[in-house]
């Protein structure tokens, strides 16, 4: 079983994939430079699955991944919630002038950087592990990454738990090509496009769920890129598309919306 993740070795995506693949001894990880290549490889059937982040408890959604899930022909087959504990890592033998990391990690440690390294140059990299690899080369560079990543690349942990809030969790999803069967404890992810902006348009969509007692766990908007004020709505709800009430709600929504795409029905984390 081939599982695609953001590389190089030592990323949080790798850690999430290892959690998801427990009990699958023949699983092998394949590393990619960005999330788009992971999901495109799943779509092209070069991988059995791909693990990508969709939201963080501090910084919210990962917009690129949300757009890719809508655009590509893949389905969400599972999820894992991973606690994120950022560390500042480096060679430890020089004044830190540059701090490197993935944009999400940098954003999650914004307050720490402002307080402790206000004059340091902040640079973005493709992943936290890529930042750690670069920090190997120069003593004035440090990276934001996991403690295990520091060990992997021979770096010192200069500070631990530097994220802006201790309860820092990233939700990762597993993308595949076949929707799993209902388990009785499932979640369904949708994307909806209304097309016509009118009073009560979104309310009429949400009413389809409320009237059937379906609990929504997340709702978020993303620009459609068709014009200012035009949005896709991403919704997560409890239940599986094969459940009678969920099927009925989707039928009602399809009559009111210009587009409804089921991104996946899968076991809840």
C-alpha atoms as a PDB file:
ATOM      1  CA  UNK A   1       0.000   0.000   0.000  1.00  0.00           C
ATOM      2  CA  UNK A   2       1.534   3.321  -1.121  1.00  0.00           C
ATOM      3  CA  UNK A   3       0.641   6.430   0.916  1.00  0.00           C
ATOM      4  CA  UNK A   4       1.675   9.878  -0.281  1.00  0.00           C
ATOM      5  CA  UNK A   5       2.743  12.603   2.162  1.00  0.00           C
ATOM      6  CA  UNK A   6       4.477  15.963   2.140  1.00  0.00           C
ATOM      7  CA  UNK A   7       8.237  15.488   2.344  1.00  0.00           C
ATOM      8  CA  UNK A   8      11.052  15.186   3.040  1.00  0.00           C
ATOM      9  CA  UNK A   9      11.111  12.765   5.976  1.00  0.00           C
ATOM     10  CA  UNK A  10      10.099  14.186   9.341  1.00  0.00           C
ATOM     11  CA  UNK A  11       6.963  16.201   8.459  1.00  0.00           C
ATOM     12  CA  UNK A  12       3.792  16.233  10.527  1.00  0.00           C
ATOM     13  CA  UNK A  13       2.065  14.736   7.466  1.00  0.00           C
ATOM     14  CA  UNK A  14       4.392  11.750   7.784  1.00  0.00           C
ATOM     15  CA  UNK A  15       3.480  11.387  11.450  1.00  0.00           C
ATOM     16  CA  UNK A  16      -0.247  11.548  10.625  1.00  0.00           C
ATOM     17  CA  UNK A  17       0.200   8.922   7.895  1.00  0.00           C
ATOM     18  CA  UNK A  18       1.980   6.593  10.324  1.00  0.00           C
ATOM     19  CA  UNK A  19      -0.974   6.952  12.716  1.00  0.00           C
ATOM     20  CA  UNK A  20      -3.428   6.164   9.922  1.00  0.00           C
ATOM     21  CA  UNK A  21      -1.483   3.141   8.661  1.00  0.00           C
ATOM     22  CA  UNK A  22      -1.129   1.340  11.993  1.00  0.00           C
ATOM     23  CA  UNK A  23      -2.130  -2.262  11.439  1.00  0.00           C
ATOM     24  CA  UNK A  24      -1.051  -2.122   7.783  1.00  0.00           C
ATOM     25  CA  UNK A  25       2.441  -3.648   7.851  1.00  0.00           C
ATOM     26  CA  UNK A  26       2.934  -3.434   4.080  1.00  0.00           C
ATOM     27  CA  UNK A  27       2.307   0.346   3.939  1.00  0.00           C
ATOM     28  CA  UNK A  28       5.109   2.432   2.446  1.00  0.00           C
ATOM     29  CA  UNK A  29       5.318   6.222   2.429  1.00  0.00           C
ATOM     30  CA  UNK A  30       6.062   8.187  -0.734  1.00  0.00           C
ATOM     31  CA  UNK A  31       7.268  11.790  -0.276  1.00  0.00           C
ATOM     32  CA  UNK A  32       6.190  14.741  -2.430  1.00  0.00           C
ATOM     33  CA  UNK A  33       7.220  18.414  -2.496  1.00  0.00           C
ATOM     34  CA  UNK A  34       3.683  19.777  -2.037  1.00  0.00           C
ATOM     35  CA  UNK A  35       0.093  18.801  -1.264  1.00  0.00           C
ATOM     36  CA  UNK A  36      -1.073  19.196  -4.868  1.00  0.00           C
ATOM     37  CA  UNK A  37       1.322  16.526  -6.106  1.00  0.00           C
ATOM     38  CA  UNK A  38       0.167  14.167  -3.345  1.00  0.00           C
ATOM     39  CA  UNK A  39      -3.495  14.476  -4.329  1.00  0.00           C
ATOM     40  CA  UNK A  40      -2.833  14.436  -8.069  1.00  0.00           C
ATOM     41  CA  UNK A  41      -0.934  11.162  -7.631  1.00  0.00           C
ATOM     42  CA  UNK A  42      -3.957   9.703  -5.809  1.00  0.00           C
ATOM     43  CA  UNK A  43      -6.244  10.862  -8.616  1.00  0.00           C
ATOM     44  CA  UNK A  44      -3.922   9.316 -11.221  1.00  0.00           C
ATOM     45  CA  UNK A  45      -3.965   5.995  -9.283  1.00  0.00           C
ATOM     46  CA  UNK A  46      -0.217   6.166  -8.649  1.00  0.00           C
ATOM     47  CA  UNK A  47      -0.946   5.974  -4.907  1.00  0.00           C
ATOM     48  CA  UNK A  48      -3.463   4.067  -2.824  1.00  0.00           C
ATOM     49  CA  UNK A  49      -3.943   7.050  -0.509  1.00  0.00           C
ATOM     50  CA  UNK A  50      -2.615  10.484   0.365  1.00  0.00           C
ATOM     51  CA  UNK A  51      -2.565  12.190   3.762  1.00  0.00           C
ATOM     52  CA  UNK A  52      -2.957  15.985   3.804  1.00  0.00           C
ATOM     53  CA  UNK A  53      -3.899  18.606   6.432  1.00  0.00           C
ATOM     54  CA  UNK A  54      -7.231  20.408   6.108  1.00  0.00           C
ATOM     55  CA  UNK A  55      -7.495  22.551   9.240  1.00  0.00           C
ATOM     56  CA  UNK A  56      -5.643  23.663  12.332  1.00  0.00           C
ATOM     57  CA  UNK A  57      -7.124  24.694  15.669  1.00  0.00           C
ATOM     58  CA  UNK A  58      -5.099  27.949  15.703  1.00  0.00           C
ATOM     59  CA  UNK A  59      -4.961  29.016  12.058  1.00  0.00           C
ATOM     60  CA  UNK A  60      -8.106  27.454  10.600  1.00  0.00           C
ATOM     61  CA  UNK A  61      -8.390  25.876   7.168  1.00  0.00           C
ATOM     62  CA  UNK A  62      -5.577  24.991   4.786  1.00  0.00           C
ATOM     63  CA  UNK A  63      -7.016  26.779   1.717  1.00  0.00           C
ATOM     64  CA  UNK A  64      -4.931  25.015  -0.932  1.00  0.00           C
ATOM     65  CA  UNK A  65      -6.042  21.576   0.234  1.00  0.00           C
ATOM     66  CA  UNK A  66      -9.706  22.608   0.412  1.00  0.00           C
ATOM     67  CA  UNK A  67      -9.575  23.841  -3.184  1.00  0.00           C
ATOM     68  CA  UNK A  68      -7.801  20.685  -4.352  1.00  0.00           C
ATOM     69  CA  UNK A  69     -10.366  18.384  -2.723  1.00  0.00           C
ATOM     70  CA  UNK A  70     -13.120  20.252  -4.572  1.00  0.00           C
ATOM     71  CA  UNK A  71     -11.320  20.247  -7.905  1.00  0.00           C
ATOM     72  CA  UNK A  72      -9.783  16.765  -8.081  1.00  0.00           C
ATOM     73  CA  UNK A  73     -11.527  13.396  -8.403  1.00  0.00           C
ATOM     74  CA  UNK A  74     -10.545  11.989  -5.017  1.00  0.00           C
ATOM     75  CA  UNK A  75     -12.637  11.214  -1.920  1.00  0.00           C
ATOM     76  CA  UNK A  76     -11.916  11.531   1.776  1.00  0.00           C
ATOM     77  CA  UNK A  77     -11.731   8.047   3.291  1.00  0.00           C
ATOM     78  CA  UNK A  78     -10.564   8.829   6.823  1.00  0.00           C
ATOM     79  CA  UNK A  79      -9.225  11.459   9.203  1.00  0.00           C
ATOM     80  CA  UNK A  80      -6.816  11.818  12.103  1.00  0.00           C
ATOM     81  CA  UNK A  81      -6.442  14.658  14.625  1.00  0.00           C
ATOM     82  CA  UNK A  82      -2.770  15.163  15.419  1.00  0.00           C
ATOM     83  CA  UNK A  83      -1.510  17.249  18.381  1.00  0.00           C
ATOM     84  CA  UNK A  84       1.138  19.669  17.103  1.00  0.00           C
ATOM     85  CA  UNK A  85       4.067  20.557  19.358  1.00  0.00           C
ATOM     86  CA  UNK A  86       6.418  22.934  17.588  1.00  0.00           C
ATOM     87  CA  UNK A  87      10.054  23.323  18.601  1.00  0.00           C
ATOM     88  CA  UNK A  88      12.711  25.778  17.572  1.00  0.00           C
ATOM     89  CA  UNK A  89      15.594  23.667  16.278  1.00  0.00           C
ATOM     90  CA  UNK A  90      19.054  24.497  15.005  1.00  0.00           C
ATOM     91  CA  UNK A  91      22.766  23.845  15.302  1.00  0.00           C
ATOM     92  CA  UNK A  92      22.817  25.765  18.570  1.00  0.00           C
ATOM     93  CA  UNK A  93      26.189  27.439  18.133  1.00  0.00           C
ATOM     94  CA  UNK A  94      25.401  30.868  16.730  1.00  0.00           C
ATOM     95  CA  UNK A  95      23.133  33.897  16.937  1.00  0.00           C
ATOM     96  CA  UNK A  96      19.824  33.166  15.199  1.00  0.00           C
ATOM     97  CA  UNK A  97      19.285  35.594  12.355  1.00  0.00           C
ATOM     98  CA  UNK A  98      16.899  33.549  10.168  1.00  0.00           C
ATOM     99  CA  UNK A  99      13.918  31.377  11.169  1.00  0.00           C
ATOM    100  CA  UNK A 100      12.582  28.913   8.586  1.00  0.00           C
ATOM    101  CA  UNK A 101       9.457  26.793   8.371  1.00  0.00           C
ATOM    102  CA  UNK A 102       6.244  25.978   6.527  1.00  0.00           C
ATOM    103  CA  UNK A 103       3.859  28.979   6.430  1.00  0.00           C
ATOM    104  CA  UNK A 104       1.349  27.207   8.698  1.00  0.00           C
ATOM    105  CA  UNK A 105       3.987  26.482  11.348  1.00  0.00           C
ATOM    106  CA  UNK A 106       5.261  30.056  11.235  1.00  0.00           C
ATOM    107  CA  UNK A 107       1.724  31.383  11.663  1.00  0.00           C
ATOM    108  CA  UNK A 108       1.095  29.059  14.611  1.00  0.00           C
ATOM    109  CA  UNK A 109       4.222  30.453  16.367  1.00  0.00           C
ATOM    110  CA  UNK A 110       3.742  34.118  15.455  1.00  0.00           C
ATOM    111  CA  UNK A 111       3.615  35.378  19.036  1.00  0.00           C
ATOM    112  CA  UNK A 112       6.730  33.435  20.125  1.00  0.00           C
ATOM    113  CA  UNK A 113       8.747  34.786  17.211  1.00  0.00           C
ATOM    114  CA  UNK A 114       7.621  38.349  17.869  1.00  0.00           C
ATOM    115  CA  UNK A 115       8.618  38.128  21.538  1.00  0.00           C
ATOM    116  CA  UNK A 116      11.902  36.206  21.244  1.00  0.00           C
ATOM    117  CA  UNK A 117      13.234  36.940  17.739  1.00  0.00           C
ATOM    118  CA  UNK A 118      11.752  40.282  16.668  1.00  0.00           C
ATOM    119  CA  UNK A 119      14.740  41.085  14.434  1.00  0.00           C
ATOM    120  CA  UNK A 120      15.136  37.673  12.818  1.00  0.00           C
ATOM    121  CA  UNK A 121      14.290  37.228   9.153  1.00  0.00           C
ATOM    122  CA  UNK A 122      11.382  34.812   8.707  1.00  0.00           C
ATOM    123  CA  UNK A 123      11.456  32.635   5.575  1.00  0.00           C
ATOM    124  CA  UNK A 124       8.908  30.121   4.349  1.00  0.00           C
ATOM    125  CA  UNK A 125       9.789  26.626   3.155  1.00  0.00           C
ATOM    126  CA  UNK A 126       7.864  23.753   1.590  1.00  0.00           C
ATOM    127  CA  UNK A 127       7.648  21.822   4.872  1.00  0.00           C
ATOM    128  CA  UNK A 128       8.904  21.816   8.455  1.00  0.00           C
ATOM    129  CA  UNK A 129      11.377  19.039   7.639  1.00  0.00           C
ATOM    130  CA  UNK A 130      12.689  20.958   4.622  1.00  0.00           C
ATOM    131  CA  UNK A 131      13.326  23.852   7.019  1.00  0.00           C
ATOM    132  CA  UNK A 132      15.227  21.521   9.355  1.00  0.00           C
ATOM    133  CA  UNK A 133      17.405  20.290   6.482  1.00  0.00           C
ATOM    134  CA  UNK A 134      18.291  23.874   5.569  1.00  0.00           C
ATOM    135  CA  UNK A 135      19.049  24.733   9.199  1.00  0.00           C
ATOM    136  CA  UNK A 136      21.751  22.028   9.153  1.00  0.00           C
ATOM    137  CA  UNK A 137      23.840  24.176   6.857  1.00  0.00           C
ATOM    138  CA  UNK A 138      24.202  27.478   8.720  1.00  0.00           C
ATOM    139  CA  UNK A 139      24.565  28.213  12.453  1.00  0.00           C
ATOM    140  CA  UNK A 140      22.607  31.471  12.151  1.00  0.00           C
ATOM    141  CA  UNK A 141      19.541  29.594  10.860  1.00  0.00           C
ATOM    142  CA  UNK A 142      16.867  27.885  12.982  1.00  0.00           C
ATOM    143  CA  UNK A 143      13.760  25.975  11.969  1.00  0.00           C
ATOM    144  CA  UNK A 144      10.337  25.405  13.468  1.00  0.00           C
ATOM    145  CA  UNK A 145       9.704  21.668  13.435  1.00  0.00           C
ATOM    146  CA  UNK A 146       8.927  18.683  15.650  1.00  0.00           C
ATOM    147  CA  UNK A 147      11.459  17.443  18.218  1.00  0.00           C
ATOM    148  CA  UNK A 148      11.753  14.128  16.343  1.00  0.00           C
ATOM    149  CA  UNK A 149      12.637  16.018  13.168  1.00  0.00           C
ATOM    150  CA  UNK A 150      15.506  17.738  14.993  1.00  0.00           C
ATOM    151  CA  UNK A 151      16.882  14.360  16.005  1.00  0.00           C
ATOM    152  CA  UNK A 152      16.508  13.030  12.467  1.00  0.00           C
ATOM    153  CA  UNK A 153      18.604  15.877  11.046  1.00  0.00           C
ATOM    154  CA  UNK A 154      21.153  16.113  13.864  1.00  0.00           C
ATOM    155  CA  UNK A 155      19.906  19.426  15.262  1.00  0.00           C
ATOM    156  CA  UNK A 156      19.512  20.701  18.818  1.00  0.00           C
ATOM    157  CA  UNK A 157      16.120  21.558  20.301  1.00  0.00           C
ATOM    158  CA  UNK A 158      16.545  25.212  21.288  1.00  0.00           C
ATOM    159  CA  UNK A 159      13.010  25.699  22.661  1.00  0.00           C
ATOM    160  CA  UNK A 160       9.960  23.452  23.067  1.00  0.00           C
ATOM    161  CA  UNK A 161       6.210  24.046  22.760  1.00  0.00           C
ATOM    162  CA  UNK A 162       6.576  27.397  21.050  1.00  0.00           C
ATOM    163  CA  UNK A 163       3.130  27.381  19.395  1.00  0.00           C
ATOM    164  CA  UNK A 164       0.883  30.274  20.423  1.00  0.00           C
ATOM    165  CA  UNK A 165      -1.547  27.987  22.284  1.00  0.00           C
ATOM    166  CA  UNK A 166      -0.777  24.714  23.989  1.00  0.00           C
ATOM    167  CA  UNK A 167      -3.889  23.005  22.580  1.00  0.00           C
ATOM    168  CA  UNK A 168      -2.701  22.998  18.972  1.00  0.00           C
ATOM    169  CA  UNK A 169      -4.258  20.287  16.812  1.00  0.00           C
ATOM    170  CA  UNK A 170      -4.180  19.734  13.060  1.00  0.00           C
ATOM    171  CA  UNK A 171      -6.817  17.636  11.358  1.00  0.00           C
ATOM    172  CA  UNK A 172      -5.478  15.502   8.525  1.00  0.00           C
ATOM    173  CA  UNK A 173      -7.613  13.619   6.012  1.00  0.00           C
ATOM    174  CA  UNK A 174      -6.843  10.486   4.054  1.00  0.00           C
ATOM    175  CA  UNK A 175      -7.698  10.858   0.368  1.00  0.00           C
ATOM    176  CA  UNK A 176      -8.403   7.851  -1.831  1.00  0.00           C
ATOM    177  CA  UNK A 177     -10.608   6.830  -4.740  1.00  0.00           C
ATOM    178  CA  UNK A 178     -13.313   4.672  -3.118  1.00  0.00           C
ATOM    179  CA  UNK A 179     -15.709   5.794  -0.413  1.00  0.00           C
ATOM    180  CA  UNK A 180     -15.764   3.461   2.619  1.00  0.00           C
ATOM    181  CA  UNK A 181     -18.925   1.772   3.867  1.00  0.00           C
ATOM    182  CA  UNK A 182     -20.881   3.222   6.795  1.00  0.00           C
ATOM    183  CA  UNK A 183     -19.651   2.313  10.277  1.00  0.00           C
ATOM    184  CA  UNK A 184     -22.366   3.963  12.377  1.00  0.00           C
ATOM    185  CA  UNK A 185     -19.927   6.637  13.544  1.00  0.00           C
ATOM    186  CA  UNK A 186     -19.224   8.593  10.390  1.00  0.00           C
ATOM    187  CA  UNK A 187     -18.696  12.081   9.054  1.00  0.00           C
ATOM    188  CA  UNK A 188     -19.564  13.452   5.616  1.00  0.00           C
ATOM    189  CA  UNK A 189     -17.824  16.397   3.935  1.00  0.00           C
ATOM    190  CA  UNK A 190     -19.555  18.461   1.228  1.00  0.00           C
ATOM    191  CA  UNK A 191     -18.896  21.484  -0.918  1.00  0.00           C
ATOM    192  CA  UNK A 192     -21.879  23.548  -2.102  1.00  0.00           C
ATOM    193  CA  UNK A 193     -22.146  26.388  -4.602  1.00  0.00           C
ATOM    194  CA  UNK A 194     -25.291  28.512  -4.478  1.00  0.00           C
ATOM    195  CA  UNK A 195     -24.652  30.631  -7.618  1.00  0.00           C
ATOM    196  CA  UNK A 196     -27.530  33.047  -6.912  1.00  0.00           C
ATOM    197  CA  UNK A 197     -27.017  35.395  -3.964  1.00  0.00           C
ATOM    198  CA  UNK A 198     -30.418  36.014  -2.385  1.00  0.00           C
ATOM    199  CA  UNK A 199     -31.717  36.620   1.147  1.00  0.00           C
ATOM    200  CA  UNK A 200     -31.949  33.350   3.071  1.00  0.00           C
ATOM    201  CA  UNK A 201     -30.112  31.260   0.436  1.00  0.00           C
ATOM    202  CA  UNK A 202     -27.626  29.752   2.885  1.00  0.00           C
ATOM    203  CA  UNK A 203     -30.294  29.475   5.581  1.00  0.00           C
ATOM    204  CA  UNK A 204     -32.469  27.348   3.284  1.00  0.00           C
ATOM    205  CA  UNK A 205     -29.541  24.965   2.786  1.00  0.00           C
ATOM    206  CA  UNK A 206     -28.802  24.690   6.502  1.00  0.00           C
ATOM    207  CA  UNK A 207     -32.491  24.156   7.229  1.00  0.00           C
ATOM    208  CA  UNK A 208     -32.367  20.864   5.311  1.00  0.00           C
ATOM    209  CA  UNK A 209     -29.963  19.562   7.964  1.00  0.00           C
ATOM    210  CA  UNK A 210     -31.607  21.188  10.988  1.00  0.00           C
ATOM    211  CA  UNK A 211     -35.081  19.874  10.162  1.00  0.00           C
ATOM    212  CA  UNK A 212     -33.687  16.321  10.116  1.00  0.00           C
ATOM    213  CA  UNK A 213     -31.620  16.626  13.283  1.00  0.00           C
ATOM    214  CA  UNK A 214     -28.293  16.350  11.432  1.00  0.00           C
ATOM    215  CA  UNK A 215     -25.436  17.935  13.371  1.00  0.00           C
ATOM    216  CA  UNK A 216     -22.987  20.109  11.443  1.00  0.00           C
ATOM    217  CA  UNK A 217     -19.427  20.021  12.803  1.00  0.00           C
ATOM    218  CA  UNK A 218     -17.930  22.615  10.461  1.00  0.00           C
ATOM    219  CA  UNK A 219     -18.967  25.231   7.904  1.00  0.00           C
ATOM    220  CA  UNK A 220     -16.526  27.405   6.007  1.00  0.00           C
ATOM    221  CA  UNK A 221     -16.556  29.558   2.893  1.00  0.00           C
ATOM    222  CA  UNK A 222     -13.939  29.815   0.158  1.00  0.00           C
ATOM    223  CA  UNK A 223     -13.880  32.340  -2.719  1.00  0.00           C
ATOM    224  CA  UNK A 224     -15.122  30.882  -5.999  1.00  0.00           C
ATOM    225  CA  UNK A 225     -12.752  33.186  -7.959  1.00  0.00           C
ATOM    226  CA  UNK A 226     -15.707  34.156 -10.132  1.00  0.00           C
ATOM    227  CA  UNK A 227     -16.041  37.543  -8.458  1.00  0.00           C
ATOM    228  CA  UNK A 228     -16.013  39.379  -5.150  1.00  0.00           C
ATOM    229  CA  UNK A 229     -18.592  38.006  -2.696  1.00  0.00           C
ATOM    230  CA  UNK A 230     -19.041  34.717  -4.590  1.00  0.00           C
ATOM    231  CA  UNK A 231     -18.284  31.641  -2.453  1.00  0.00           C
ATOM    232  CA  UNK A 232     -18.172  27.881  -2.158  1.00  0.00           C
ATOM    233  CA  UNK A 233     -19.415  26.559   1.181  1.00  0.00           C
ATOM    234  CA  UNK A 234     -17.657  23.598   2.781  1.00  0.00           C
ATOM    235  CA  UNK A 235     -19.728  21.652   5.300  1.00  0.00           C
ATOM    236  CA  UNK A 236     -18.890  18.713   7.561  1.00  0.00           C
ATOM    237  CA  UNK A 237     -21.768  16.814   9.137  1.00  0.00           C
ATOM    238  CA  UNK A 238     -22.315  13.758  11.296  1.00  0.00           C
ATOM    239  CA  UNK A 239     -23.564  10.768   9.333  1.00  0.00           C
ATOM    240  CA  UNK A 240     -22.896   8.824   6.129  1.00  0.00           C
ATOM    241  CA  UNK A 241     -24.291   9.457   2.653  1.00  0.00           C
ATOM    242  CA  UNK A 242     -25.979   6.075   2.835  1.00  0.00           C
ATOM    243  CA  UNK A 243     -27.985   7.154   5.929  1.00  0.00           C
ATOM    244  CA  UNK A 244     -31.635   7.850   5.089  1.00  0.00           C
ATOM    245  CA  UNK A 245     -31.734  11.304   6.707  1.00  0.00           C
ATOM    246  CA  UNK A 246     -28.477  12.412   5.050  1.00  0.00           C
ATOM    247  CA  UNK A 247     -29.716  11.199   1.654  1.00  0.00           C
ATOM    248  CA  UNK A 248     -32.942  13.155   2.089  1.00  0.00           C
ATOM    249  CA  UNK A 249     -31.074  16.308   3.110  1.00  0.00           C
ATOM    250  CA  UNK A 250     -28.788  16.072   0.087  1.00  0.00           C
ATOM    251  CA  UNK A 251     -31.772  15.604  -2.233  1.00  0.00           C
ATOM    252  CA  UNK A 252     -33.340  18.768  -0.823  1.00  0.00           C
ATOM    253  CA  UNK A 253     -30.110  20.742  -1.180  1.00  0.00           C
ATOM    254  CA  UNK A 254     -29.555  19.634  -4.777  1.00  0.00           C
ATOM    255  CA  UNK A 255     -32.866  21.298  -5.698  1.00  0.00           C
ATOM    256  CA  UNK A 256     -31.680  24.632  -4.256  1.00  0.00           C
ATOM    257  CA  UNK A 257     -27.961  24.753  -5.054  1.00  0.00           C
ATOM    258  CA  UNK A 258     -26.145  25.047  -8.365  1.00  0.00           C
ATOM    259  CA  UNK A 259     -23.572  22.448  -7.344  1.00  0.00           C
ATOM    260  CA  UNK A 260     -23.237  19.869  -4.575  1.00  0.00           C
ATOM    261  CA  UNK A 261     -20.182  17.633  -4.351  1.00  0.00           C
ATOM    262  CA  UNK A 262     -19.709  14.970  -1.695  1.00  0.00           C
ATOM    263  CA  UNK A 263     -16.027  15.082  -0.765  1.00  0.00           C
ATOM    264  CA  UNK A 264     -16.340  11.877   1.243  1.00  0.00           C
ATOM    265  CA  UNK A 265     -18.107   9.859   3.927  1.00  0.00           C
ATOM    266  CA  UNK A 266     -15.677   8.258   6.381  1.00  0.00           C
ATOM    267  CA  UNK A 267     -15.216   7.135   9.994  1.00  0.00           C
ATOM    268  CA  UNK A 268     -14.915  10.022  12.450  1.00  0.00           C
ATOM    269  CA  UNK A 269     -11.586  10.449  14.243  1.00  0.00           C
END
